[in-house]
Amino acid sequence: MSDVVVNKNFVSADTTKIAEFETQSAEAVKEFNSIKEEFRRINSDLLTLYRGVGADAYKDEADNILEKIQDIAGTLSEISESMKCIRSTYSELDEQLAEYNRSLIQSQEEE
């Protein structure tokens, strides 16, 4: 994940991986929603043509799957939102470290 790096001149937080994960998690939510909608469309098309004893059982099972994947969609969305909060926290840390670095440079220049 991200690291705090200390050397003789600067302290910095590497937020690159957090930013990448945030972007990827948002893309995963979009892709998952797209897959879910395609699943709904296919099932809807199938159920308009499906006749017979298994049609009701199939519809019940498809509805059950959609209910379960809705829970997954919610979890993915929560992860994506959490990453935004984490990145915000790290951005605040970055600002604090920048201030520290400026004061460190200033104190070194005064010596």
Foldseek 3Di string as FASTA:
>chain_A
DWDFDDDPQFTAIDCPVLVVVLVVLVVVLVVLVVVLVVLVVVLVVCLVVDDDDCSVVVVVVSVVVSVVVVVVSVVSVVVSVVSVVVVVVNVVVRVVRVVVSVVRVVVVVVD
